[in-house]
PDB file of N, CA and C in Angstrom:
ATOM      1  N   UNK A   1      44.509  19.315  26.750  1.00  0.00           N
ATOM      2  CA  UNK A   1      42.739  18.810  26.540  1.00  0.00           C
ATOM      3  C   UNK A   1      42.146  18.771  25.668  1.00  0.00           C
ATOM      4  N   UNK A   2      42.329  19.785  24.879  1.00  0.00           N
ATOM      5  CA  UNK A   2      41.956  20.323  23.490  1.00  0.00           C
ATOM      6  C   UNK A   2      42.463  18.917  22.544  1.00  0.00           C
ATOM      7  N   UNK A   3      43.853  18.735  22.665  1.00  0.00           N
ATOM      8  CA  UNK A   3      44.411  17.928  21.876  1.00  0.00           C
ATOM      9  C   UNK A   3      44.022  16.708  21.786  1.00  0.00           C
ATOM     10  N   UNK A   4      43.160  16.167  23.106  1.00  0.00           N
ATOM     11  CA  UNK A   4      43.193  14.507  23.498  1.00  0.00           C
ATOM     12  C   UNK A   4      41.811  14.629  23.121  1.00  0.00           C
ATOM     13  N   UNK A   5      40.829  15.634  23.137  1.00  0.00           N
ATOM     14  CA  UNK A   5      39.662  15.477  22.604  1.00  0.00           C
ATOM     15  C   UNK A   5      39.688  15.261  21.108  1.00  0.00           C
ATOM     16  N   UNK A   6      40.656  16.123  20.367  1.00  0.00           N
ATOM     17  CA  UNK A   6      40.611  16.220  18.771  1.00  0.00           C
ATOM     18  C   UNK A   6      40.995  14.384  18.596  1.00  0.00           C
ATOM     19  N   UNK A   7      41.773  13.875  19.506  1.00  0.00           N
ATOM     20  CA  UNK A   7      42.654  12.942  18.994  1.00  0.00           C
ATOM     21  C   UNK A   7      41.278  11.782  19.087  1.00  0.00           C
ATOM     22  N   UNK A   8      40.542  12.064  20.072  1.00  0.00           N
ATOM     23  CA  UNK A   8      39.674  10.667  20.190  1.00  0.00           C
ATOM     24  C   UNK A   8      38.271  11.160  19.509  1.00  0.00           C
ATOM     25  N   UNK A   9      38.199  11.874  18.960  1.00  0.00           N
ATOM     26  CA  UNK A   9      37.106  12.399  17.896  1.00  0.00           C
ATOM     27  C   UNK A   9      37.723  12.022  16.893  1.00  0.00           C
ATOM     28  N   UNK A  10      38.900  12.114  16.544  1.00  0.00           N
ATOM     29  CA  UNK A  10      39.433  11.366  14.777  1.00  0.00           C
ATOM     30  C   UNK A  10      39.554  10.338  15.265  1.00  0.00           C
ATOM     31  N   UNK A  11      39.355   9.646  16.380  1.00  0.00           N
ATOM     32  CA  UNK A  11      39.655   7.881  16.434  1.00  0.00           C
ATOM     33  C   UNK A  11      38.129   7.135  16.072  1.00  0.00           C
ATOM     34  N   UNK A  12      37.365   7.903  16.908  1.00  0.00           N
ATOM     35  CA  UNK A  12      35.565   7.816  16.837  1.00  0.00           C
ATOM     36  C   UNK A  12      35.242   7.783  14.988  1.00  0.00           C
ATOM     37  N   UNK A  13      35.638   8.973  14.914  1.00  0.00           N
ATOM     38  CA  UNK A  13      34.734   9.247  13.529  1.00  0.00           C
ATOM     39  C   UNK A  13      35.091   8.476  12.392  1.00  0.00           C
ATOM     40  N   UNK A  14      36.734   8.055  12.329  1.00  0.00           N
ATOM     41  CA  UNK A  14      37.627   7.073  11.606  1.00  0.00           C
ATOM     42  C   UNK A  14      36.914   5.614  11.551  1.00  0.00           C
ATOM     43  N   UNK A  15      36.369   5.260  12.767  1.00  0.00           N
ATOM     44  CA  UNK A  15      36.363   4.151  13.023  1.00  0.00           C
ATOM     45  C   UNK A  15      34.443   3.882  12.668  1.00  0.00           C
ATOM     46  N   UNK A  16      34.109   4.957  12.855  1.00  0.00           N
ATOM     47  CA  UNK A  16      32.249   4.861  12.410  1.00  0.00           C
ATOM     48  C   UNK A  16      32.419   5.389  11.143  1.00  0.00           C
ATOM     49  N   UNK A  17      33.416   5.674  10.465  1.00  0.00           N
ATOM     50  CA  UNK A  17      33.028   6.102   8.812  1.00  0.00           C
ATOM     51  C   UNK A  17      33.290   4.978   8.164  1.00  0.00           C
ATOM     52  N   UNK A  18      34.213   4.189   8.473  1.00  0.00           N
ATOM     53  CA  UNK A  18      34.791   2.947   8.104  1.00  0.00           C
ATOM     54  C   UNK A  18      33.947   1.948   8.213  1.00  0.00           C
ATOM     55  N   UNK A  19      33.363   1.545   9.587  1.00  0.00           N
ATOM     56  CA  UNK A  19      31.614   0.614   9.423  1.00  0.00           C
ATOM     57  C   UNK A  19      30.960   1.182   8.572  1.00  0.00           C
ATOM     58  N   UNK A  20      30.671   2.289   8.664  1.00  0.00           N
ATOM     59  CA  UNK A  20      29.557   2.579   7.928  1.00  0.00           C
ATOM     60  C   UNK A  20      29.576   2.025   6.219  1.00  0.00           C
ATOM     61  N   UNK A  21      30.808   2.863   5.767  1.00  0.00           N
ATOM     62  CA  UNK A  21      31.083   2.158   4.450  1.00  0.00           C
ATOM     63  C   UNK A  21      31.018   0.843   4.587  1.00  0.00           C
ATOM     64  N   UNK A  22      31.656  -0.128   5.100  1.00  0.00           N
ATOM     65  CA  UNK A  22      31.670  -1.707   5.314  1.00  0.00           C
ATOM     66  C   UNK A  22      29.995  -1.993   5.127  1.00  0.00           C
ATOM     67  N   UNK A  23      29.684  -1.622   6.086  1.00  0.00           N
ATOM     68  CA  UNK A  23      27.849  -2.171   5.869  1.00  0.00           C
ATOM     69  C   UNK A  23      27.146  -1.720   4.394  1.00  0.00           C
ATOM     70  N   UNK A  24      27.658  -0.323   4.288  1.00  0.00           N
ATOM     71  CA  UNK A  24      27.104   0.150   2.726  1.00  0.00           C
ATOM     72  C   UNK A  24      27.396  -0.947   1.955  1.00  0.00           C
ATOM     73  N   UNK A  25      28.333  -1.212   1.553  1.00  0.00           N
ATOM     74  CA  UNK A  25      28.881  -2.235   0.696  1.00  0.00           C
ATOM     75  C   UNK A  25      28.479  -3.703   1.364  1.00  0.00           C
ATOM     76  N   UNK A  26      27.880  -4.153   2.108  1.00  0.00           N
ATOM     77  CA  UNK A  26      27.614  -5.722   2.089  1.00  0.00           C
ATOM     78  C   UNK A  26      26.198  -5.439   1.831  1.00  0.00           C
ATOM     79  N   UNK A  27      25.740  -4.669   2.091  1.00  0.00           N
ATOM     80  CA  UNK A  27      24.107  -3.852   1.838  1.00  0.00           C
ATOM     81  C   UNK A  27      23.606  -3.870   0.432  1.00  0.00           C
ATOM     82  N   UNK A  28      24.983  -3.557  -0.047  1.00  0.00           N
ATOM     83  CA  UNK A  28      24.444  -3.000  -1.621  1.00  0.00           C
ATOM     84  C   UNK A  28      24.886  -4.111  -2.446  1.00  0.00           C
ATOM     85  N   UNK A  29      25.704  -5.333  -2.298  1.00  0.00           N
ATOM     86  CA  UNK A  29      26.169  -6.581  -2.707  1.00  0.00           C
ATOM     87  C   UNK A  29      25.007  -7.051  -3.651  1.00  0.00           C
ATOM     88  N   UNK A  30      23.618  -7.071  -2.539  1.00  0.00           N
ATOM     89  CA  UNK A  30      22.562  -7.802  -3.249  1.00  0.00           C
ATOM     90  C   UNK A  30      22.113  -6.650  -4.267  1.00  0.00           C
ATOM     91  N   UNK A  31      21.770  -5.598  -4.362  1.00  0.00           N
ATOM     92  CA  UNK A  31      21.492  -4.806  -5.360  1.00  0.00           C
ATOM     93  C   UNK A  31      22.758  -4.957  -6.653  1.00  0.00           C
ATOM     94  N   UNK A  32      23.880  -4.695  -6.308  1.00  0.00           N
ATOM     95  CA  UNK A  32      25.066  -4.919  -7.209  1.00  0.00           C
ATOM     96  C   UNK A  32      24.862  -6.616  -8.041  1.00  0.00           C
ATOM     97  N   UNK A  33      24.649  -7.564  -7.415  1.00  0.00           N
ATOM     98  CA  UNK A  33      24.121  -8.675  -7.646  1.00  0.00           C
ATOM     99  C   UNK A  33      23.034  -8.736  -8.869  1.00  0.00           C
ATOM    100  N   UNK A  34      21.880  -8.141  -8.703  1.00  0.00           N
ATOM    101  CA  UNK A  34      20.631  -8.034  -9.430  1.00  0.00           C
ATOM    102  C   UNK A  34      21.128  -6.944 -10.512  1.00  0.00           C
ATOM    103  N   UNK A  35      21.669  -5.763 -10.551  1.00  0.00           N
ATOM    104  CA  UNK A  35      22.140  -5.116 -11.963  1.00  0.00           C
ATOM    105  C   UNK A  35      23.170  -5.528 -12.504  1.00  0.00           C
ATOM    106  N   UNK A  36      23.839  -6.641 -11.959  1.00  0.00           N
ATOM    107  CA  UNK A  36      25.041  -6.992 -13.042  1.00  0.00           C
ATOM    108  C   UNK A  36      24.278  -8.461 -14.150  1.00  0.00           C
ATOM    109  N   UNK A  37      23.099  -8.854 -13.082  1.00  0.00           N
ATOM    110  CA  UNK A  37      22.548 -10.116 -14.096  1.00  0.00           C
ATOM    111  C   UNK A  37      21.338  -9.146 -15.355  1.00  0.00           C
ATOM    112  N   UNK A  38      21.262  -8.064 -14.679  1.00  0.00           N
ATOM    113  CA  UNK A  38      20.436  -7.288 -15.752  1.00  0.00           C
ATOM    114  C   UNK A  38      21.459  -7.089 -16.839  1.00  0.00           C
ATOM    115  N   UNK A  39      22.395  -6.443 -16.442  1.00  0.00           N
ATOM    116  CA  UNK A  39      23.619  -6.667 -17.543  1.00  0.00           C
ATOM    117  C   UNK A  39      23.754  -7.333 -18.515  1.00  0.00           C
ATOM    118  N   UNK A  40      23.851  -8.492 -18.080  1.00  0.00           N
ATOM    119  CA  UNK A  40      24.488  -9.931 -18.757  1.00  0.00           C
ATOM    120  C   UNK A  40      23.224 -10.183 -19.380  1.00  0.00           C
ATOM    121  N   UNK A  41      21.915 -10.374 -18.707  1.00  0.00           N
ATOM    122  CA  UNK A  41      20.832 -10.711 -19.800  1.00  0.00           C
ATOM    123  C   UNK A  41      20.369  -9.970 -20.492  1.00  0.00           C
ATOM    124  N   UNK A  42      19.719  -8.999 -20.407  1.00  0.00           N
ATOM    125  CA  UNK A  42      19.619  -8.093 -21.350  1.00  0.00           C
ATOM    126  C   UNK A  42      20.452  -7.018 -22.404  1.00  0.00           C
ATOM    127  N   UNK A  43      21.674  -7.273 -21.805  1.00  0.00           N
ATOM    128  CA  UNK A  43      22.508  -6.170 -22.449  1.00  0.00           C
ATOM    129  C   UNK A  43      23.006  -5.135 -22.367  1.00  0.00           C
ATOM    130  N   UNK A  44      22.147  -4.276 -20.938  1.00  0.00           N
ATOM    131  CA  UNK A  44      21.581  -3.160 -20.901  1.00  0.00           C
ATOM    132  C   UNK A  44      22.816  -2.169 -20.818  1.00  0.00           C
ATOM    133  N   UNK A  45      22.972  -0.775 -21.583  1.00  0.00           N
ATOM    134  CA  UNK A  45      24.344  -0.010 -21.508  1.00  0.00           C
ATOM    135  C   UNK A  45      24.606  -0.152 -20.262  1.00  0.00           C
ATOM    136  N   UNK A  46      26.233   0.164 -19.941  1.00  0.00           N
ATOM    137  CA  UNK A  46      26.657   0.621 -19.071  1.00  0.00           C
ATOM    138  C   UNK A  46      26.282   1.610 -18.225  1.00  0.00           C
ATOM    139  N   UNK A  47      26.367   2.636 -18.999  1.00  0.00           N
ATOM    140  CA  UNK A  47      25.844   4.102 -17.792  1.00  0.00           C
ATOM    141  C   UNK A  47      24.256   3.825 -17.763  1.00  0.00           C
ATOM    142  N   UNK A  48      23.639   2.794 -18.085  1.00  0.00           N
ATOM    143  CA  UNK A  48      22.027   2.954 -17.206  1.00  0.00           C
ATOM    144  C   UNK A  48      22.430   2.174 -16.370  1.00  0.00           C
ATOM    145  N   UNK A  49      23.069   1.263 -15.877  1.00  0.00           N
ATOM    146  CA  UNK A  49      23.299   0.276 -14.922  1.00  0.00           C
ATOM    147  C   UNK A  49      24.036   0.986 -14.009  1.00  0.00           C
ATOM    148  N   UNK A  50      24.975   2.067 -14.145  1.00  0.00           N
ATOM    149  CA  UNK A  50      25.545   3.029 -13.330  1.00  0.00           C
ATOM    150  C   UNK A  50      24.443   3.737 -12.625  1.00  0.00           C
ATOM    151  N   UNK A  51      23.760   4.457 -13.421  1.00  0.00           N
ATOM    152  CA  UNK A  51      22.604   5.245 -12.775  1.00  0.00           C
ATOM    153  C   UNK A  51      21.684   4.657 -11.774  1.00  0.00           C
ATOM    154  N   UNK A  52      21.271   3.284 -11.976  1.00  0.00           N
ATOM    155  CA  UNK A  52      20.295   2.587 -11.419  1.00  0.00           C
ATOM    156  C   UNK A  52      20.906   2.337 -10.086  1.00  0.00           C
ATOM    157  N   UNK A  53      22.631   2.049 -10.163  1.00  0.00           N
ATOM    158  CA  UNK A  53      23.462   2.001  -9.160  1.00  0.00           C
ATOM    159  C   UNK A  53      23.598   3.183  -8.170  1.00  0.00           C
ATOM    160  N   UNK A  54      23.845   4.253  -8.849  1.00  0.00           N
ATOM    161  CA  UNK A  54      23.726   5.441  -7.999  1.00  0.00           C
ATOM    162  C   UNK A  54      22.305   6.068  -7.253  1.00  0.00           C
ATOM    163  N   UNK A  55      20.770   5.506  -8.114  1.00  0.00           N
ATOM    164  CA  UNK A  55      19.500   5.781  -7.490  1.00  0.00           C
ATOM    165  C   UNK A  55      19.397   4.701  -6.390  1.00  0.00           C
ATOM    166  N   UNK A  56      19.989   3.390  -6.339  1.00  0.00           N
ATOM    167  CA  UNK A  56      19.726   2.761  -5.381  1.00  0.00           C
ATOM    168  C   UNK A  56      20.637   3.179  -3.947  1.00  0.00           C
ATOM    169  N   UNK A  57      21.259   3.529  -3.891  1.00  0.00           N
ATOM    170  CA  UNK A  57      22.701   4.165  -3.163  1.00  0.00           C
ATOM    171  C   UNK A  57      21.913   4.665  -2.108  1.00  0.00           C
ATOM    172  N   UNK A  58      21.126   5.588  -1.809  1.00  0.00           N
ATOM    173  CA  UNK A  58      20.437   6.555  -0.818  1.00  0.00           C
ATOM    174  C   UNK A  58      19.684   5.670  -0.094  1.00  0.00           C
ATOM    175  N   UNK A  59      18.903   4.234  -0.826  1.00  0.00           N
ATOM    176  CA  UNK A  59      18.113   3.597  -0.008  1.00  0.00           C
ATOM    177  C   UNK A  59      18.806   2.859   0.898  1.00  0.00           C
ATOM    178  N   UNK A  60      19.784   2.318   0.799  1.00  0.00           N
ATOM    179  CA  UNK A  60      20.767   1.615   1.816  1.00  0.00           C
ATOM    180  C   UNK A  60      21.547   2.127   2.728  1.00  0.00           C
ATOM    181  N   UNK A  61      21.292   3.682   2.566  1.00  0.00           N
ATOM    182  CA  UNK A  61      22.071   4.705   3.900  1.00  0.00           C
ATOM    183  C   UNK A  61      21.241   4.158   5.236  1.00  0.00           C
ATOM    184  N   UNK A  62      20.410   4.738   5.311  1.00  0.00           N
ATOM    185  CA  UNK A  62      19.406   4.306   6.169  1.00  0.00           C
ATOM    186  C   UNK A  62      19.363   3.175   7.141  1.00  0.00           C
ATOM    187  N   UNK A  63      19.856   2.200   6.346  1.00  0.00           N
ATOM    188  CA  UNK A  63      19.975   1.181   7.040  1.00  0.00           C
ATOM    189  C   UNK A  63      21.449   0.611   7.734  1.00  0.00           C
ATOM    190  N   UNK A  64      22.327   1.181   6.820  1.00  0.00           N
ATOM    191  CA  UNK A  64      23.766   1.154   6.906  1.00  0.00           C
ATOM    192  C   UNK A  64      24.479   1.776   8.157  1.00  0.00           C
ATOM    193  N   UNK A  65      23.650   3.181   8.218  1.00  0.00           N
ATOM    194  CA  UNK A  65      24.200   4.164   9.126  1.00  0.00           C
ATOM    195  C   UNK A  65      24.150   3.513  10.687  1.00  0.00           C
ATOM    196  N   UNK A  66      23.007   3.149  11.369  1.00  0.00           N
ATOM    197  CA  UNK A  66      23.188   2.861  12.667  1.00  0.00           C
ATOM    198  C   UNK A  66      24.157   1.641  12.685  1.00  0.00           C
ATOM    199  N   UNK A  67      24.261   1.060  11.850  1.00  0.00           N
ATOM    200  CA  UNK A  67      24.894  -0.355  11.775  1.00  0.00           C
ATOM    201  C   UNK A  67      26.350   0.107  12.326  1.00  0.00           C
ATOM    202  N   UNK A  68      26.783   0.819  11.314  1.00  0.00           N
ATOM    203  CA  UNK A  68      28.403   1.390  10.990  1.00  0.00           C
ATOM    204  C   UNK A  68      28.598   2.006  12.210  1.00  0.00           C
ATOM    205  N   UNK A  69      27.909   2.844  13.081  1.00  0.00           N
ATOM    206  CA  UNK A  69      27.763   3.466  14.216  1.00  0.00           C
ATOM    207  C   UNK A  69      27.653   2.495  15.411  1.00  0.00           C
TER     208      UNK A  69
END
Protein backbone atom coordinates (compact mmCIF):
# COMPACT_ATOMS: atom_id res chain seq x y z
CA UNK A 1 0.00 0.00 0.00
CA UNK A 2 2.92 2.32 0.65
CA UNK A 3 4.15 2.07 -2.94
CA UNK A 4 0.68 2.88 -4.24
CA UNK A 5 0.47 5.96 -2.01
CA UNK A 6 3.82 7.21 -3.28
CA UNK A 7 2.76 6.70 -6.89
CA UNK A 8 -0.52 8.56 -6.36
CA UNK A 9 1.25 11.40 -4.55
CA UNK A 10 3.82 11.66 -7.35
CA UNK A 11 1.09 11.89 -10.00
CA UNK A 12 -0.88 14.54 -8.10
CA UNK A 13 2.24 16.53 -7.26
CA UNK A 14 3.43 16.50 -10.86
CA UNK A 15 0.07 17.64 -12.22
CA UNK A 16 -0.30 20.36 -9.60
CA UNK A 17 3.22 21.64 -10.20
CA UNK A 18 2.82 21.75 -13.97
CA UNK A 19 -0.57 23.44 -13.68
CA UNK A 20 0.79 26.05 -11.30
CA UNK A 21 3.78 26.77 -13.53
CA UNK A 22 1.48 27.12 -16.51
CA UNK A 23 -0.76 29.63 -14.74
CA UNK A 24 2.26 31.57 -13.46
CA UNK A 25 3.50 31.84 -17.04
CA UNK A 26 0.10 32.90 -18.37
CA UNK A 27 -0.39 35.52 -15.66
CA UNK A 28 3.19 36.69 -16.05
CA UNK A 29 2.85 37.31 -19.81
CA UNK A 30 1.27 40.70 -19.23
CA UNK A 31 4.19 41.77 -17.07
CA UNK A 32 6.66 40.48 -19.63
CA UNK A 33 4.90 42.47 -22.35
CA UNK A 34 5.01 45.68 -20.32
CA UNK A 35 8.65 45.27 -19.40
CA UNK A 36 9.69 44.39 -22.94
CA UNK A 37 8.04 47.57 -24.21
CA UNK A 38 9.92 49.45 -21.48
CA UNK A 39 13.13 47.86 -22.71
CA UNK A 40 12.47 48.90 -26.30
CA UNK A 41 11.14 52.42 -25.65
CA UNK A 42 13.61 53.60 -23.03
CA UNK A 43 16.49 51.26 -23.85
CA UNK A 44 16.80 50.25 -20.22
CA UNK A 45 19.68 47.88 -19.51
CA UNK A 46 18.72 44.18 -19.54
CA UNK A 47 19.92 43.53 -15.95
CA UNK A 48 17.42 46.12 -14.71
CA UNK A 49 14.60 44.48 -16.68
CA UNK A 50 15.62 41.08 -15.28
CA UNK A 51 15.51 42.43 -11.73
CA UNK A 52 12.06 43.92 -12.35
CA UNK A 53 10.85 40.56 -13.68
CA UNK A 54 12.15 38.76 -10.61
CA UNK A 55 10.57 41.35 -8.31
CA UNK A 56 7.21 40.99 -10.05
CA UNK A 57 7.18 37.20 -9.88
CA UNK A 58 6.12 36.82 -6.20
CA UNK A 59 2.99 38.89 -6.77
CA UNK A 60 1.68 36.42 -9.38
CA UNK A 61 2.17 33.30 -7.26
CA UNK A 62 -0.81 33.88 -4.90
CA UNK A 63 -3.12 34.11 -7.92
CA UNK A 64 -1.64 31.16 -9.80
CA UNK A 65 -1.36 28.69 -6.93
CA UNK A 66 -5.09 28.08 -6.37
CA UNK A 67 -5.69 27.89 -10.12
CA UNK A 68 -2.92 25.38 -10.68
CA UNK A 69 -4.01 23.01 -7.95
